[in-house]
Protein backbone atom coordinates (compact mmCIF):
# COMPACT_ATOMS: atom_id res chain seq x y z
CA MET A 1 -65.84 -131.11 -190.40
CA GLU A 2 -68.35 -131.92 -187.66
CA LEU A 3 -67.37 -130.94 -184.12
CA LEU A 4 -68.74 -133.31 -181.47
CA TYR A 5 -69.12 -132.89 -177.70
CA ARG A 6 -68.01 -135.20 -174.90
CA SER A 7 -68.74 -135.37 -171.18
CA THR A 8 -65.99 -134.26 -168.78
CA ARG A 9 -66.69 -137.35 -166.64
CA SER A 10 -66.93 -140.43 -168.88
CA THR A 11 -66.36 -141.99 -172.29
CA GLN A 12 -70.05 -141.80 -173.13
CA GLU A 13 -70.64 -141.50 -176.86
CA ALA A 14 -69.87 -138.05 -178.28
CA VAL A 15 -72.94 -136.05 -179.33
CA THR A 16 -73.66 -133.27 -181.83
CA ALA A 17 -73.86 -129.65 -180.72
CA SER A 18 -77.65 -129.65 -181.00
CA LYS A 19 -77.94 -132.74 -178.77
CA ALA A 20 -75.57 -131.19 -176.19
CA ILE A 21 -77.67 -128.01 -176.17
CA LEU A 22 -80.89 -130.01 -175.66
CA LYS A 23 -79.48 -132.09 -172.81
CA GLY A 24 -77.68 -129.24 -171.04
CA LEU A 25 -75.91 -131.61 -168.63
CA SER A 26 -74.53 -135.06 -169.44
CA ASP A 27 -76.26 -138.10 -167.88
CA ASP A 28 -73.16 -138.77 -165.75
CA GLY A 29 -73.27 -135.26 -164.24
CA GLY A 30 -70.40 -134.03 -166.41
CA LEU A 31 -70.39 -130.97 -168.65
CA PHE A 32 -70.23 -131.14 -172.43
CA VAL A 33 -66.97 -129.94 -173.98
CA PRO A 34 -65.95 -129.80 -177.65
CA GLU A 35 -63.59 -132.58 -178.72
CA LYS A 36 -61.22 -129.82 -179.75
CA ILE A 37 -61.28 -126.03 -179.65
CA PRO A 38 -61.59 -124.90 -183.27
CA ALA A 39 -59.51 -122.13 -184.83
CA LEU A 40 -61.03 -118.84 -185.97
CA GLY A 41 -62.14 -119.30 -189.56
CA CYS A 42 -61.16 -115.82 -190.77
CA SER A 43 -58.46 -113.22 -190.18
CA LEU A 44 -58.58 -110.58 -187.44
CA LYS A 45 -58.57 -107.94 -190.18
CA GLU A 46 -61.71 -109.45 -191.72
CA LEU A 47 -63.38 -109.53 -188.28
CA ALA A 48 -62.63 -105.82 -187.80
CA ASP A 49 -65.15 -104.92 -190.50
CA MET A 50 -67.94 -107.14 -189.16
CA SER A 51 -71.06 -106.24 -187.17
CA TYR A 52 -71.73 -108.05 -183.90
CA GLN A 53 -74.12 -110.37 -185.74
CA GLU A 54 -71.55 -111.20 -188.43
CA ALA A 55 -68.82 -111.84 -185.85
CA ALA A 56 -71.23 -114.05 -183.90
CA TYR A 57 -71.82 -116.18 -186.99
CA GLU A 58 -68.08 -116.52 -187.69
CA VAL A 59 -67.40 -117.75 -184.15
CA MET A 60 -70.47 -119.87 -183.57
CA LYS A 61 -70.37 -121.74 -186.87
CA GLN A 62 -67.04 -123.25 -185.74
CA TYR A 63 -68.76 -124.84 -182.72
CA LEU A 64 -72.33 -125.52 -183.85
CA THR A 65 -71.40 -127.53 -186.91
CA ASP A 66 -74.67 -129.45 -187.25
CA PHE A 67 -76.61 -126.20 -187.70
CA THR A 68 -77.03 -125.08 -191.31
CA GLU A 69 -75.93 -121.58 -192.27
CA GLU A 70 -79.58 -120.58 -192.63
CA GLU A 71 -80.53 -122.00 -189.19
CA LEU A 72 -77.65 -120.33 -187.37
CA LYS A 73 -78.05 -116.97 -189.08
CA ASP A 74 -81.78 -117.05 -188.30
CA CYS A 75 -81.06 -117.69 -184.57
CA ILE A 76 -78.53 -114.83 -184.52
CA ALA A 77 -80.87 -112.39 -186.30
CA LYS A 78 -83.70 -113.14 -183.87
CA ALA A 79 -81.46 -112.79 -180.81
CA TYR A 80 -79.48 -109.67 -181.68
CA ASP A 81 -82.23 -107.34 -182.84
CA GLU A 82 -83.88 -104.12 -181.66
CA LYS A 83 -84.15 -105.37 -178.04
CA PHE A 84 -80.67 -103.86 -177.48
CA ASP A 85 -80.64 -100.15 -176.69
CA THR A 86 -77.43 -99.44 -178.66
CA ASP A 87 -76.81 -100.01 -182.38
CA VAL A 88 -73.51 -101.79 -181.80
CA ILE A 89 -74.94 -104.30 -179.25
CA ALA A 90 -71.78 -104.22 -177.09
CA PRO A 91 -70.17 -100.74 -177.06
CA MET A 92 -66.80 -100.06 -175.47
CA ALA A 93 -66.13 -97.14 -173.13
CA GLU A 94 -62.54 -95.97 -172.80
CA VAL A 95 -61.98 -94.92 -169.19
CA GLU A 96 -58.48 -94.02 -167.96
CA ARG A 97 -56.83 -95.91 -170.87
CA THR A 98 -58.81 -99.08 -170.09
CA TYR A 99 -61.62 -100.40 -172.30
CA TYR A 100 -64.89 -101.31 -170.58
CA LEU A 101 -66.83 -103.70 -172.82
CA GLU A 102 -70.44 -102.89 -171.93
CA LEU A 103 -72.35 -106.15 -172.15
CA PHE A 104 -75.50 -104.83 -170.48
CA HIS A 105 -77.49 -103.10 -173.20
CA GLY A 106 -80.02 -105.91 -173.65
CA LYS A 107 -83.51 -106.47 -172.35
CA THR A 108 -82.56 -107.19 -168.71
CA ILE A 109 -79.45 -104.93 -168.49
CA ALA A 110 -76.91 -107.64 -167.68
CA PHE A 111 -74.37 -109.57 -169.77
CA LYS A 112 -76.49 -112.72 -169.53
CA ASP A 113 -78.74 -111.19 -172.20
CA MET A 114 -75.96 -111.54 -174.75
CA ALA A 115 -75.91 -115.34 -174.57
CA LEU A 116 -79.38 -116.04 -173.21
CA SER A 117 -81.26 -114.13 -175.88
CA ILE A 118 -80.01 -116.66 -178.45
CA LEU A 119 -80.41 -119.82 -176.35
CA PRO A 120 -84.20 -120.27 -176.85
CA HIS A 121 -83.71 -120.06 -180.63
CA LEU A 122 -80.80 -122.54 -180.54
CA MET A 123 -82.87 -124.86 -178.37
CA ILE A 124 -86.04 -124.79 -180.49
CA THR A 125 -83.92 -125.35 -183.63
CA SER A 126 -82.11 -128.23 -181.87
CA ALA A 127 -85.44 -129.79 -180.89
CA LYS A 128 -86.65 -129.70 -184.50
CA LYS A 129 -83.36 -131.13 -185.80
CA ASN A 130 -83.58 -134.04 -183.38
CA HIS A 131 -87.35 -134.62 -183.82
CA VAL A 132 -88.02 -133.97 -180.13
CA GLU A 133 -91.72 -134.08 -179.38
CA LYS A 134 -91.47 -133.52 -175.63
CA GLU A 135 -91.96 -130.16 -173.97
CA ILE A 136 -88.59 -128.78 -172.84
CA VAL A 137 -88.48 -127.72 -169.19
CA ILE A 138 -85.71 -125.20 -168.58
CA LEU A 139 -84.46 -125.65 -165.02
CA THR A 140 -82.11 -122.94 -163.79
CA ALA A 141 -80.45 -121.68 -160.62
CA THR A 142 -79.56 -118.00 -160.59
CA SER A 143 -77.44 -115.69 -158.48
CA GLY A 144 -79.47 -112.81 -159.87
CA ASP A 145 -78.96 -112.18 -163.58
CA THR A 146 -79.24 -115.53 -165.39
CA GLY A 147 -82.77 -115.98 -164.04
CA LYS A 148 -84.28 -112.81 -165.48
CA ALA A 149 -82.43 -113.13 -168.78
CA ALA A 150 -83.59 -116.74 -169.16
CA LEU A 151 -87.16 -115.82 -168.21
CA ALA A 152 -87.18 -113.00 -170.76
CA GLY A 153 -85.83 -115.35 -173.42
CA PHE A 154 -88.16 -118.30 -172.82
CA ALA A 155 -91.39 -116.56 -171.72
CA ASP A 156 -94.26 -117.84 -173.89
CA VAL A 157 -91.89 -119.70 -176.27
CA PRO A 158 -94.00 -122.62 -177.57
CA GLY A 159 -92.87 -126.08 -176.47
CA THR A 160 -91.01 -124.81 -173.39
CA ARG A 161 -91.52 -124.13 -169.71
CA ILE A 162 -89.03 -122.43 -167.43
CA ILE A 163 -88.44 -122.76 -163.66
CA VAL A 164 -85.96 -120.41 -161.98
CA PHE A 165 -84.67 -120.87 -158.42
CA TYR A 166 -82.92 -117.92 -156.74
CA PRO A 167 -81.63 -117.28 -153.18
CA LYS A 168 -84.46 -115.34 -151.50
CA ASN A 169 -82.17 -112.96 -149.62
CA GLY A 170 -79.18 -113.14 -151.95
CA VAL A 171 -80.06 -110.84 -154.87
CA SER A 172 -80.50 -107.07 -155.22
CA PRO A 173 -84.00 -105.55 -154.85
CA ILE A 174 -84.02 -104.64 -158.55
CA GLN A 175 -82.91 -108.16 -159.57
CA GLU A 176 -85.67 -109.71 -157.48
CA LYS A 177 -88.35 -107.34 -158.78
CA GLN A 178 -87.28 -108.09 -162.36
CA MET A 179 -87.82 -111.80 -161.77
CA VAL A 180 -91.00 -111.84 -159.68
CA THR A 181 -92.84 -109.52 -162.09
CA GLN A 182 -92.07 -111.76 -165.09
CA LYS A 183 -95.00 -112.40 -167.43
CA GLY A 184 -95.57 -115.65 -169.30
CA ASP A 185 -97.85 -118.61 -168.61
CA ASN A 186 -94.93 -121.02 -168.93
CA THR A 187 -92.78 -119.34 -166.24
CA LEU A 188 -92.22 -120.08 -162.54
CA VAL A 189 -89.91 -118.14 -160.21
CA VAL A 190 -89.06 -119.60 -156.79
CA GLY A 191 -87.14 -117.98 -153.93
CA ILE A 192 -85.29 -120.63 -151.91
CA HIS A 193 -84.27 -120.31 -148.27
CA GLY A 194 -80.56 -120.76 -148.86
CA ASN A 195 -77.73 -119.36 -150.97
CA PHE A 196 -76.91 -119.71 -154.67
CA ASP A 197 -74.80 -122.82 -154.14
CA ASP A 198 -77.81 -124.48 -152.48
CA ALA A 199 -79.95 -123.58 -155.50
CA GLN A 200 -77.32 -124.78 -157.98
CA THR A 201 -76.71 -128.04 -156.09
CA GLY A 202 -80.47 -128.66 -155.92
CA VAL A 203 -80.85 -128.11 -159.67
CA LYS A 204 -77.98 -130.51 -160.44
CA LYS A 205 -79.63 -133.13 -158.19
CA LEU A 206 -82.88 -132.76 -160.12
CA PHE A 207 -81.02 -133.23 -163.40
CA GLY A 208 -79.51 -136.45 -162.05
CA ASP A 209 -82.81 -137.84 -160.67
CA ARG A 210 -83.54 -140.79 -162.99
CA GLU A 211 -86.88 -141.63 -161.41
CA LEU A 212 -88.08 -138.04 -161.90
CA ALA A 213 -86.82 -138.08 -165.52
CA GLU A 214 -88.88 -141.22 -166.22
CA ARG A 215 -92.05 -139.74 -164.73
CA MET A 216 -91.50 -136.54 -166.71
CA ALA A 217 -90.96 -138.51 -169.94
CA GLU A 218 -94.28 -140.32 -169.38
CA LYS A 219 -96.00 -136.93 -169.16
CA GLY A 220 -94.13 -135.56 -172.20
CA PHE A 221 -91.45 -133.43 -170.54
CA GLN A 222 -87.64 -133.33 -170.55
CA PHE A 223 -85.21 -131.09 -168.65
CA SER A 224 -82.66 -128.76 -170.13
CA SER A 225 -80.60 -125.94 -168.65
CA ALA A 226 -80.13 -122.23 -169.33
CA ASN A 227 -77.16 -121.92 -166.96
CA SER A 228 -73.70 -121.49 -168.42
CA ILE A 229 -73.23 -125.24 -167.94
CA ASN A 230 -75.18 -125.45 -171.23
CA ILE A 231 -72.80 -125.29 -174.19
CA GLY A 232 -75.47 -123.21 -175.97
CA ARG A 233 -74.83 -120.52 -173.36
CA LEU A 234 -71.05 -120.80 -173.38
CA VAL A 235 -70.43 -120.60 -177.14
CA PRO A 236 -72.21 -117.22 -177.63
CA GLN A 237 -70.09 -115.79 -174.80
CA ILE A 238 -66.90 -116.42 -176.79
CA VAL A 239 -68.15 -113.83 -179.28
CA TYR A 240 -67.74 -110.95 -176.77
CA TYR A 241 -63.99 -111.19 -176.75
CA VAL A 242 -63.56 -111.76 -180.48
CA TYR A 243 -65.79 -108.76 -181.17
CA ALA A 244 -63.99 -106.55 -178.60
CA TYR A 245 -60.61 -107.33 -180.16
CA ALA A 246 -61.98 -106.67 -183.65
CA LYS A 247 -63.38 -103.28 -182.58
CA LEU A 248 -60.06 -102.19 -181.01
CA LEU A 249 -58.35 -103.20 -184.25
CA LYS A 250 -60.87 -101.28 -186.39
CA GLU A 251 -60.46 -98.17 -184.23
CA GLU A 252 -56.64 -98.49 -184.53
CA GLN A 253 -56.26 -98.80 -180.77
CA ILE A 254 -54.19 -101.96 -181.37
CA ALA A 255 -52.20 -103.41 -184.26
CA GLU A 256 -53.19 -106.72 -185.88
CA GLY A 257 -51.79 -109.54 -183.73
CA GLU A 258 -51.07 -107.26 -180.75
CA LYS A 259 -51.98 -108.99 -177.49
CA ILE A 260 -54.54 -107.64 -175.04
CA ASN A 261 -55.40 -108.58 -171.45
CA VAL A 262 -58.95 -109.42 -170.42
CA VAL A 263 -60.41 -108.89 -166.93
CA VAL A 264 -63.61 -110.73 -165.99
CA PRO A 265 -65.61 -110.44 -162.74
CA THR A 266 -66.08 -114.11 -162.02
CA GLY A 267 -68.56 -116.31 -160.16
CA ASN A 268 -69.55 -119.47 -162.02
CA PHE A 269 -66.49 -119.25 -164.32
CA GLY A 270 -68.45 -119.34 -167.60
CA ASN A 271 -67.59 -115.85 -168.85
CA ILE A 272 -63.84 -116.13 -168.26
CA LEU A 273 -63.85 -119.68 -169.64
CA ALA A 274 -65.32 -118.22 -172.85
CA ALA A 275 -62.35 -115.80 -172.98
CA PHE A 276 -60.01 -118.80 -172.49
CA TYR A 277 -61.71 -120.57 -175.42
CA ALA A 278 -61.34 -117.39 -177.52
CA LYS A 279 -57.62 -117.32 -176.73
CA ASN A 280 -57.30 -120.97 -177.73
CA MET A 281 -59.09 -120.22 -181.02
CA GLY A 282 -56.19 -117.90 -181.84
CA LEU A 283 -57.38 -114.56 -180.43
CA PRO A 284 -54.28 -112.66 -179.21
CA ILE A 285 -55.03 -112.58 -175.48
CA ALA A 286 -52.11 -112.40 -173.05
CA LYS A 287 -53.47 -112.63 -169.48
CA LEU A 288 -56.91 -113.76 -168.35
CA ILE A 289 -57.46 -111.82 -165.12
CA CYS A 290 -59.98 -113.56 -162.88
CA ALA A 291 -61.58 -111.09 -160.45
CA SER A 292 -63.36 -112.39 -157.34
CA ASN A 293 -65.25 -110.64 -154.56
CA GLU A 294 -64.93 -111.67 -150.90
CA ASN A 295 -66.12 -115.18 -151.86
CA LYS A 296 -62.58 -115.66 -153.12
CA VAL A 297 -62.55 -119.41 -153.71
CA LEU A 298 -61.16 -118.90 -157.24
CA TYR A 299 -58.41 -116.54 -156.08
CA ASP A 300 -57.33 -119.15 -153.54
CA PHE A 301 -57.44 -121.84 -156.23
CA PHE A 302 -55.22 -119.91 -158.62
CA SER A 303 -52.85 -119.07 -155.75
CA THR A 304 -52.52 -122.57 -154.27
CA GLY A 305 -53.94 -125.19 -156.65
CA CYS A 306 -56.44 -126.13 -153.94
CA TYR A 307 -60.17 -125.65 -154.55
CA ASP A 308 -61.92 -125.47 -151.17
CA ARG A 309 -65.58 -124.50 -150.80
CA ASN A 310 -65.52 -125.22 -147.05
CA ARG A 311 -65.71 -121.62 -145.91
CA GLU A 312 -68.18 -118.97 -144.85
CA PHE A 313 -70.50 -117.81 -147.62
CA VAL A 314 -70.41 -114.00 -147.79
CA LEU A 315 -73.37 -111.96 -149.03
CA THR A 316 -71.87 -109.02 -150.94
CA THR A 317 -73.02 -106.07 -153.04
CA SER A 318 -71.93 -108.07 -156.15
CA PRO A 319 -74.39 -110.96 -155.66
CA SER A 320 -73.96 -112.55 -159.09
CA MET A 321 -70.45 -113.51 -157.89
CA ASP A 322 -71.55 -114.86 -154.51
CA ILE A 323 -70.67 -118.43 -155.46
CA LEU A 324 -68.45 -121.05 -153.82
CA ILE A 325 -68.91 -123.83 -156.41
CA SER A 326 -67.84 -122.46 -159.80
CA SER A 327 -69.41 -125.06 -162.09
CA ASN A 328 -67.65 -124.10 -165.31
CA LEU A 329 -64.22 -124.51 -163.73
CA GLU A 330 -64.77 -128.23 -164.34
CA ARG A 331 -64.31 -127.63 -168.07
CA LEU A 332 -60.90 -126.07 -167.39
CA ILE A 333 -59.93 -128.81 -164.92
CA TYR A 334 -60.80 -131.45 -167.52
CA ARG A 335 -58.41 -129.72 -169.93
CA LEU A 336 -55.68 -129.45 -167.26
CA THR A 337 -55.88 -133.24 -166.70
CA GLY A 338 -55.06 -133.74 -170.37
CA GLU A 339 -58.75 -134.58 -170.97
CA ASP A 340 -58.51 -137.51 -168.58
CA TYR A 341 -62.18 -138.02 -167.73
CA ALA A 342 -61.42 -140.47 -164.87
CA LYS A 343 -59.04 -138.04 -163.16
CA ASN A 344 -61.51 -135.17 -163.57
CA ALA A 345 -64.43 -137.29 -162.30
CA GLU A 346 -62.38 -138.19 -159.21
CA LEU A 347 -61.64 -134.51 -158.45
CA MET A 348 -65.34 -133.65 -158.84
CA ARG A 349 -66.25 -136.56 -156.52
CA GLN A 350 -63.86 -135.16 -153.91
CA LEU A 351 -65.48 -131.74 -154.27
CA GLN A 352 -68.96 -133.20 -153.81
CA GLU A 353 -68.06 -135.41 -150.86
CA ASN A 354 -65.41 -133.35 -149.03
CA GLY A 355 -65.82 -129.87 -150.52
CA VAL A 356 -62.18 -129.75 -151.56
CA TYR A 357 -59.70 -131.02 -154.16
CA HIS A 358 -56.05 -130.38 -155.02
CA ILE A 359 -54.57 -130.29 -158.51
CA SER A 360 -51.04 -131.54 -159.24
CA GLU A 361 -48.00 -129.28 -159.70
CA GLU A 362 -48.00 -130.28 -163.36
CA MET A 363 -51.61 -129.08 -163.74
CA LYS A 364 -50.79 -125.87 -161.86
CA LYS A 365 -48.16 -125.00 -164.48
CA GLU A 366 -50.92 -125.05 -167.10
CA LEU A 367 -52.63 -122.12 -165.31
CA GLU A 368 -50.04 -119.58 -166.45
CA ASP A 369 -52.61 -117.90 -168.72
CA PHE A 370 -54.52 -116.82 -165.60
CA TYR A 371 -54.01 -114.26 -162.86
CA GLY A 372 -56.41 -114.34 -159.90
CA ASN A 373 -57.11 -111.71 -157.27
CA PHE A 374 -60.05 -110.37 -155.27
CA ALA A 375 -61.49 -107.07 -154.08
CA THR A 376 -63.11 -106.46 -150.71
CA GLU A 377 -66.43 -104.67 -150.37
CA GLU A 378 -64.58 -101.50 -149.31
CA GLU A 379 -62.19 -101.69 -152.28
CA SER A 380 -65.04 -102.17 -154.76
CA ALA A 381 -67.06 -99.26 -153.33
CA SER A 382 -63.96 -97.09 -153.31
CA GLN A 383 -63.32 -97.90 -156.99
CA ILE A 384 -66.89 -96.88 -157.96
CA LYS A 385 -66.43 -93.56 -156.16
CA LYS A 386 -62.93 -92.90 -157.51
CA ILE A 387 -63.77 -93.60 -161.17
CA TYR A 388 -66.95 -91.52 -160.92
CA GLU A 389 -65.19 -88.56 -159.30
CA ASP A 390 -62.23 -88.71 -161.71
CA THR A 391 -64.11 -89.32 -164.96
CA GLY A 392 -67.91 -89.14 -164.47
CA TYR A 393 -68.21 -92.81 -165.51
CA VAL A 394 -70.51 -94.91 -163.29
CA MET A 395 -69.99 -98.68 -163.10
CA ASP A 396 -71.91 -101.41 -161.31
CA THR A 397 -70.61 -103.37 -158.33
CA HIS A 398 -69.41 -106.40 -160.34
CA THR A 399 -67.51 -104.27 -162.83
CA ALA A 400 -66.03 -102.42 -159.85
CA VAL A 401 -64.63 -105.71 -158.51
CA ALA A 402 -62.96 -106.29 -161.90
CA SER A 403 -61.68 -102.72 -162.06
CA ALA A 404 -60.23 -102.89 -158.52
CA VAL A 405 -58.55 -106.24 -159.24
CA TYR A 406 -57.08 -104.81 -162.45
CA GLU A 407 -55.46 -102.03 -160.38
CA LYS A 408 -53.90 -104.74 -158.18
CA TYR A 409 -52.71 -106.62 -161.27
CA LYS A 410 -50.92 -103.55 -162.64
CA LYS A 411 -49.33 -102.90 -159.26
CA ASP A 412 -48.22 -106.55 -158.91
CA THR A 413 -46.82 -106.93 -162.43
CA GLY A 414 -46.15 -103.50 -163.92
CA ASP A 415 -47.84 -104.85 -167.06
CA MET A 416 -49.41 -102.02 -169.08
CA THR A 417 -50.74 -104.18 -171.95
CA LYS A 418 -53.97 -102.73 -173.36
CA THR A 419 -56.83 -104.24 -171.40
CA VAL A 420 -60.53 -104.97 -171.86
CA ILE A 421 -62.71 -105.25 -168.73
CA ALA A 422 -65.96 -107.16 -169.14
CA SER A 423 -68.58 -104.78 -167.74
CA THR A 424 -71.26 -107.27 -166.87
CA ALA A 425 -74.22 -105.26 -165.57
CA SER A 426 -75.73 -101.81 -165.69
CA PRO A 427 -75.26 -99.71 -162.55
CA PHE A 428 -79.06 -99.31 -162.60
CA LYS A 429 -79.36 -102.97 -161.60
CA PHE A 430 -77.53 -102.31 -158.31
CA THR A 431 -78.58 -98.71 -157.80
CA ARG A 432 -78.50 -98.63 -154.00
CA SER A 433 -75.04 -100.15 -153.68
CA VAL A 434 -73.65 -97.94 -156.46
CA MET A 435 -75.16 -94.69 -155.16
CA CYS A 436 -74.15 -95.34 -151.55
CA ALA A 437 -70.59 -96.02 -152.75
CA ILE A 438 -70.59 -92.60 -154.44
CA ASP A 439 -72.05 -90.76 -151.44
CA SER A 440 -73.46 -91.97 -148.11
CA LYS A 441 -76.16 -89.26 -148.28
CA TYR A 442 -78.15 -91.62 -150.55
CA GLU A 443 -78.59 -94.32 -147.88
CA ASN A 444 -82.16 -93.45 -146.90
CA MET A 445 -83.50 -92.63 -150.38
CA GLU A 446 -86.24 -94.89 -151.82
CA ASP A 447 -85.13 -97.36 -154.55
CA PHE A 448 -86.76 -95.73 -157.56
CA LYS A 449 -85.80 -92.22 -156.45
CA LEU A 450 -82.24 -93.51 -156.42
CA VAL A 451 -82.74 -94.71 -159.99
CA ASP A 452 -83.71 -91.17 -161.07
CA GLU A 453 -80.78 -89.67 -159.18
CA LEU A 454 -78.36 -92.13 -160.81
CA SER A 455 -79.74 -91.13 -164.21
CA ARG A 456 -79.14 -87.47 -163.35
CA ILE A 457 -75.56 -87.78 -162.12
CA SER A 458 -74.47 -90.19 -164.89
CA ASN A 459 -76.30 -88.43 -167.76
CA VAL A 460 -77.66 -91.83 -168.80
CA PRO A 461 -81.42 -92.34 -169.40
CA VAL A 462 -83.17 -94.82 -167.10
CA PRO A 463 -83.16 -98.17 -168.99
CA ALA A 464 -86.51 -99.54 -170.18
CA ALA A 465 -85.88 -102.67 -168.05
CA ILE A 466 -86.10 -100.49 -164.92
CA GLU A 467 -88.98 -98.31 -166.09
CA GLU A 468 -91.17 -101.34 -166.76
CA ILE A 469 -90.84 -102.75 -163.23
CA ARG A 470 -91.63 -99.49 -161.37
CA THR A 471 -95.33 -100.36 -161.26
CA ALA A 472 -95.36 -103.96 -162.47
CA PRO A 473 -97.40 -106.34 -160.28
CA VAL A 474 -95.68 -109.24 -158.50
CA ARG A 475 -96.69 -112.46 -160.28
CA HIS A 476 -94.45 -115.00 -158.54
CA GLN A 477 -94.61 -115.46 -154.77
CA CYS A 478 -93.47 -119.08 -154.44
CA GLN A 479 -90.79 -119.79 -151.81
CA CYS A 480 -89.39 -123.09 -150.56
CA GLY A 481 -86.64 -124.73 -148.55
CA LYS A 482 -83.75 -126.22 -150.52
CA GLU A 483 -85.05 -129.74 -149.78
CA GLU A 484 -88.48 -128.86 -151.27
CA MET A 485 -87.25 -127.96 -154.78
CA LYS A 486 -88.28 -131.31 -156.27
CA LYS A 487 -91.85 -130.97 -154.99
CA VAL A 488 -92.12 -127.47 -156.47
CA VAL A 489 -91.09 -128.84 -159.88
CA GLU A 490 -93.51 -131.79 -159.62
CA ASP A 491 -96.40 -129.47 -158.70
CA PHE A 492 -95.67 -127.04 -161.56
CA LEU A 493 -95.57 -129.88 -164.10
CA GLY A 494 -98.57 -131.70 -162.61
CA LEU A 495 -96.66 -134.94 -162.00
């Protein structure tokens, strides 16, 4: 049966998965959501014997119903190939009786690779299916990782261009170098003078600019998105959790049907929303533990039912979570309203105009699947040091936030259910912050010397993604104010 997608903000006609992927964002500013969350199409026992690629097909075919088996399997085969540095794509490390799902073994050493490496293939297939002749312009805001993963995926892909906006002083030195050294004639990387929320708000404005859309159409262009607001990004993320459960089952760490907890370091809410979708497909997940850094807008929301972005924006050592407007939360809010698009649209209007909204007590009761907490900079650094000294395992700053929040969860609840922590980036991506957390003696060491030292103390080879940027020339030097984003796009497209 075909699964269609609707906007969270109106009764606009439902569209196929391929059309939702092509558009990225609905014309009314809403996000596309499936009309229902499908069930898993096979047993957990069957999943236990599958490779990552096979599990991906089983999950994604439930959502992308207008793709043929051949089309979807081709997209999966092209995405999950030898670009990953481990055979199993997403290995799990058991550390102190907790399972760290390492989602960072792809081309850009962050979890975004897992979903973004397939998006270009889904998009090109979608364009063919819908007889799209226009060149697709991928427009993306990044807090550090999405940008590089999207650039790596779309670089020199025929029929596409990609423009990435990032906060100039809001990403790690390694993240920035990865982006500004990106090859590809169809790529543009722009540092904006502002924070991630400024970049994300600017991108959403450009998507909603009708006059710009008309001028682009005349020149043969149309926008789409590589952010997790695109359903083609969200659906592949569901696979992580299904695969993790299947692997624990195969290794006899859990019994079939036994519930697990999942901890996700959270910024834009896409990754934990994917875990929520997995749970609603029938995956035995007990608690969804939402871990925030000092930009704890989500922790406050789960605690009070009030979402309030009117606060100081904190630059932390976990920059991919430095976000005050968690876009994907809208998909959960829509569900909490009973899929009442008018009620959801009103809450989103309040957020845009006043920076704040409150959900009802009835909606709050529906949040029982979630537990929210946050970790300070000191707590995250302390967790990196403690785990390294106790076990020799080195984690990045975002994973450390999740790990520290999980410690708080156990203390608060006494719940010792087996738990998977989404480890979202390699420590090599945040070398300085990680090494200084382990020992302050590293503070004055040069970036790439720190990389070599991290490799030595962790017994992990330096990833290819780091080696290739040691001497790579800077190709992108464009910077702009947040109000100049439209002009940058117009200039790049020759409008």
